[in-house]
């Protein structure tokens, strides 16, 4: 299930796929866009979660999850799993 938030947003939205933009937006009190929704599906989804690895926003439960108080998007999670093999 994807949730959209009604909250503060930047007037001109930066590219959600830019490395580190999710953390920057969220720590400044704004919602970030899920970079996977925006890039792969051209969908506008706002979130208050960002990946600890790439620091881009992700929708929790759809394009990332939390484990041991650390959020990881599905792309970074897959990269970590590939490196472990």
N, C-alpha and C. Protein backbone atom coordinates (compact mmCIF):
# COMPACT_ATOMS: atom_id res chain seq x y z
N UNK A 1 0.84 -1.17 0.00
CA UNK A 1 0.00 0.00 0.00
C UNK A 1 0.88 1.24 0.00
N UNK A 2 0.64 2.16 -0.88
CA UNK A 2 1.41 3.38 -0.99
C UNK A 2 0.64 4.52 -0.35
N UNK A 3 1.34 5.30 0.45
CA UNK A 3 0.71 6.41 1.15
C UNK A 3 1.27 7.72 0.63
N UNK A 4 0.40 8.67 0.36
CA UNK A 4 0.83 10.01 0.00
C UNK A 4 0.59 10.91 1.21
N UNK A 5 1.51 11.82 1.45
CA UNK A 5 1.44 12.69 2.62
C UNK A 5 1.04 14.10 2.22
N UNK A 6 0.23 14.74 3.03
CA UNK A 6 -0.05 16.16 2.89
C UNK A 6 0.82 16.86 3.91
N UNK A 7 1.87 17.46 3.47
CA UNK A 7 2.79 18.10 4.38
C UNK A 7 3.70 19.04 3.64
N UNK A 8 4.69 19.58 4.31
CA UNK A 8 5.58 20.52 3.66
C UNK A 8 6.37 19.87 2.55
N UNK A 9 6.51 20.58 1.45
CA UNK A 9 7.27 20.10 0.30
C UNK A 9 8.07 21.25 -0.26
N UNK A 10 9.11 20.93 -0.98
CA UNK A 10 9.88 21.98 -1.66
C UNK A 10 9.03 22.57 -2.77
N UNK A 11 9.21 23.87 -3.06
CA UNK A 11 8.47 24.48 -4.17
C UNK A 11 8.88 23.87 -5.49
N UNK A 12 10.17 23.81 -5.77
CA UNK A 12 10.63 23.12 -6.96
C UNK A 12 11.31 21.84 -6.49
N UNK A 13 10.78 20.74 -6.91
CA UNK A 13 11.21 19.44 -6.39
C UNK A 13 12.51 18.98 -7.04
N UNK A 14 13.51 18.62 -6.22
CA UNK A 14 14.75 18.08 -6.77
C UNK A 14 14.53 16.67 -7.31
N UNK A 15 15.47 16.19 -8.08
CA UNK A 15 15.40 14.84 -8.64
C UNK A 15 15.47 13.83 -7.49
N UNK A 16 14.44 12.98 -7.31
CA UNK A 16 14.43 12.03 -6.19
C UNK A 16 15.50 10.96 -6.32
N UNK A 17 16.06 10.76 -7.52
CA UNK A 17 17.10 9.74 -7.70
C UNK A 17 18.49 10.28 -7.35
N UNK A 18 18.60 11.57 -7.05
CA UNK A 18 19.88 12.15 -6.67
C UNK A 18 20.35 11.56 -5.34
N UNK A 19 21.59 11.10 -5.32
CA UNK A 19 22.17 10.49 -4.12
C UNK A 19 22.08 11.46 -2.94
N UNK A 20 21.52 11.03 -1.82
CA UNK A 20 21.49 11.81 -0.59
C UNK A 20 20.35 12.81 -0.46
N UNK A 21 19.52 12.98 -1.49
CA UNK A 21 18.48 14.01 -1.45
C UNK A 21 17.38 13.68 -0.44
N UNK A 22 17.04 12.42 -0.28
CA UNK A 22 15.98 12.04 0.67
C UNK A 22 16.33 12.42 2.10
N UNK A 23 17.54 12.09 2.52
CA UNK A 23 17.98 12.44 3.88
C UNK A 23 17.99 13.95 4.06
N UNK A 24 18.48 14.67 3.07
CA UNK A 24 18.56 16.13 3.15
C UNK A 24 17.17 16.74 3.33
N UNK A 25 16.21 16.29 2.52
CA UNK A 25 14.85 16.82 2.61
C UNK A 25 14.21 16.49 3.95
N UNK A 26 14.31 15.24 4.37
CA UNK A 26 13.64 14.79 5.59
C UNK A 26 14.24 15.46 6.83
N UNK A 27 15.56 15.57 6.89
CA UNK A 27 16.17 16.21 8.05
C UNK A 27 15.91 17.72 8.07
N UNK A 28 15.54 18.30 6.93
CA UNK A 28 15.16 19.72 6.89
C UNK A 28 13.67 19.94 7.11
N UNK A 29 12.94 18.87 7.45
CA UNK A 29 11.52 18.99 7.79
C UNK A 29 10.57 18.85 6.62
N UNK A 30 11.04 18.34 5.49
CA UNK A 30 10.20 18.13 4.32
C UNK A 30 10.01 16.64 4.07
N UNK A 31 8.98 16.28 3.34
CA UNK A 31 8.83 14.91 2.88
C UNK A 31 9.64 14.74 1.61
N UNK A 32 10.16 13.55 1.42
CA UNK A 32 10.92 13.22 0.22
C UNK A 32 10.05 12.36 -0.69
N UNK A 33 10.38 12.35 -1.96
CA UNK A 33 9.69 11.46 -2.89
C UNK A 33 10.39 10.10 -2.90
N UNK A 34 9.61 9.04 -3.03
CA UNK A 34 10.20 7.71 -3.19
C UNK A 34 10.88 7.69 -4.56
N UNK A 35 12.18 7.47 -4.57
CA UNK A 35 12.91 7.55 -5.82
C UNK A 35 12.58 6.39 -6.76
N UNK A 36 12.20 5.25 -6.22
CA UNK A 36 11.85 4.11 -7.07
C UNK A 36 10.50 4.34 -7.73
N UNK A 37 9.51 4.84 -6.97
CA UNK A 37 8.21 5.18 -7.56
C UNK A 37 8.38 6.20 -8.69
N UNK A 38 9.18 7.22 -8.43
CA UNK A 38 9.37 8.30 -9.41
C UNK A 38 10.12 7.81 -10.64
N UNK A 39 11.18 7.05 -10.45
CA UNK A 39 12.03 6.63 -11.56
C UNK A 39 11.42 5.50 -12.38
N UNK A 40 10.93 4.48 -11.71
CA UNK A 40 10.45 3.29 -12.42
C UNK A 40 8.99 3.38 -12.87
N UNK A 41 8.16 4.08 -12.08
CA UNK A 41 6.73 4.06 -12.35
C UNK A 41 6.12 5.43 -12.62
N UNK A 42 6.94 6.48 -12.60
CA UNK A 42 6.46 7.86 -12.80
C UNK A 42 5.30 8.18 -11.86
N UNK A 43 5.43 7.70 -10.63
CA UNK A 43 4.39 7.89 -9.62
C UNK A 43 4.91 8.86 -8.57
N UNK A 44 4.06 9.73 -8.07
CA UNK A 44 4.44 10.72 -7.08
C UNK A 44 4.02 10.24 -5.69
N UNK A 45 4.99 9.77 -4.91
CA UNK A 45 4.72 9.25 -3.58
C UNK A 45 5.66 9.93 -2.59
N UNK A 46 5.11 10.55 -1.56
CA UNK A 46 5.91 11.24 -0.55
C UNK A 46 6.11 10.34 0.65
N UNK A 47 7.27 10.47 1.27
CA UNK A 47 7.63 9.61 2.39
C UNK A 47 8.48 10.37 3.41
N UNK A 48 8.50 9.87 4.61
CA UNK A 48 9.38 10.41 5.65
C UNK A 48 10.48 9.41 5.97
N UNK A 49 10.77 8.49 5.05
CA UNK A 49 11.79 7.45 5.25
C UNK A 49 12.87 7.60 4.18
N UNK A 50 14.12 7.36 4.58
CA UNK A 50 15.19 7.35 3.59
C UNK A 50 16.13 6.18 3.87
N UNK A 51 16.81 5.75 2.82
CA UNK A 51 17.71 4.60 2.88
C UNK A 51 19.01 5.00 3.58
N UNK A 52 19.49 4.16 4.46
CA UNK A 52 20.73 4.43 5.19
C UNK A 52 21.96 4.28 4.29
N UNK A 53 21.81 3.61 3.15
CA UNK A 53 22.94 3.39 2.25
C UNK A 53 23.04 4.51 1.22
N UNK A 54 21.98 4.73 0.42
CA UNK A 54 22.03 5.73 -0.65
C UNK A 54 21.42 7.07 -0.24
N UNK A 55 20.74 7.09 0.90
CA UNK A 55 20.12 8.29 1.46
C UNK A 55 19.04 8.90 0.56
N UNK A 56 18.39 8.07 -0.25
CA UNK A 56 17.25 8.50 -1.07
C UNK A 56 15.97 8.04 -0.39
N UNK A 57 14.86 8.76 -0.62
CA UNK A 57 13.58 8.40 -0.03
C UNK A 57 13.04 7.10 -0.61
N UNK A 58 12.34 6.33 0.23
CA UNK A 58 11.66 5.12 -0.24
C UNK A 58 10.36 4.93 0.53
N UNK A 59 9.37 4.28 -0.11
CA UNK A 59 8.12 3.98 0.59
C UNK A 59 8.31 2.70 1.39
N UNK A 60 8.05 2.83 2.66
CA UNK A 60 8.25 1.71 3.57
C UNK A 60 7.25 0.60 3.27
N UNK A 61 7.74 -0.61 3.18
CA UNK A 61 6.90 -1.76 2.93
C UNK A 61 6.73 -2.08 1.45
N UNK A 62 6.92 -1.08 0.59
CA UNK A 62 6.80 -1.30 -0.85
C UNK A 62 8.17 -1.34 -1.49
N UNK A 63 8.96 -0.30 -1.29
CA UNK A 63 10.29 -0.21 -1.90
C UNK A 63 11.42 -0.17 -0.88
N UNK A 64 11.16 -0.65 0.31
CA UNK A 64 12.18 -0.73 1.34
C UNK A 64 11.58 -1.12 2.67
N UNK A 65 12.43 -1.48 3.60
CA UNK A 65 11.99 -1.90 4.93
C UNK A 65 13.03 -1.53 5.97
N UNK A 66 12.64 -1.67 7.23
CA UNK A 66 13.54 -1.40 8.33
C UNK A 66 13.93 -2.72 8.98
N UNK A 67 15.21 -2.82 9.31
CA UNK A 67 15.72 -3.98 10.03
C UNK A 67 16.78 -3.46 11.00
N UNK A 68 16.61 -3.77 12.26
CA UNK A 68 17.53 -3.31 13.30
C UNK A 68 17.67 -1.78 13.29
N UNK A 69 16.53 -1.09 13.22
CA UNK A 69 16.48 0.38 13.22
C UNK A 69 17.24 1.03 12.07
N UNK A 70 17.36 0.33 10.96
CA UNK A 70 18.06 0.87 9.80
C UNK A 70 17.20 0.62 8.57
N UNK A 71 16.87 1.70 7.85
CA UNK A 71 16.05 1.58 6.66
C UNK A 71 16.91 1.36 5.43
N UNK A 72 16.49 0.44 4.58
CA UNK A 72 17.21 0.16 3.34
C UNK A 72 16.21 -0.01 2.21
N UNK A 73 16.46 0.67 1.08
CA UNK A 73 15.59 0.50 -0.08
C UNK A 73 15.86 -0.86 -0.72
N UNK A 74 14.95 -1.33 -1.56
CA UNK A 74 15.09 -2.67 -2.14
C UNK A 74 16.31 -2.76 -3.06
N UNK A 75 16.70 -1.66 -3.69
CA UNK A 75 17.86 -1.68 -4.58
C UNK A 75 19.15 -1.88 -3.78
N UNK A 76 19.34 -1.10 -2.74
CA UNK A 76 20.54 -1.24 -1.90
C UNK A 76 20.54 -2.57 -1.16
N UNK A 77 19.37 -3.04 -0.74
CA UNK A 77 19.26 -4.34 -0.10
C UNK A 77 19.67 -5.47 -1.03
N UNK A 78 19.29 -5.36 -2.30
CA UNK A 78 19.66 -6.38 -3.29
C UNK A 78 21.16 -6.34 -3.57
N UNK A 79 21.73 -5.14 -3.63
CA UNK A 79 23.18 -5.02 -3.85
C UNK A 79 23.95 -5.67 -2.71
N UNK A 80 23.48 -5.45 -1.48
CA UNK A 80 24.16 -6.03 -0.31
C UNK A 80 24.07 -7.55 -0.37
N UNK A 81 22.92 -8.08 -0.76
CA UNK A 81 22.75 -9.54 -0.86
C UNK A 81 23.64 -10.12 -1.94
N UNK A 82 23.82 -9.40 -3.05
CA UNK A 82 24.70 -9.88 -4.13
C UNK A 82 26.15 -9.92 -3.67
N UNK A 83 26.56 -8.92 -2.89
CA UNK A 83 27.95 -8.88 -2.42
C UNK A 83 28.23 -9.99 -1.43
N UNK A 84 27.22 -10.43 -0.70
CA UNK A 84 27.38 -11.48 0.31
C UNK A 84 27.60 -12.86 -0.33
N UNK A 85 27.24 -13.01 -1.60
CA UNK A 85 27.36 -14.33 -2.26
C UNK A 85 28.78 -14.66 -2.62
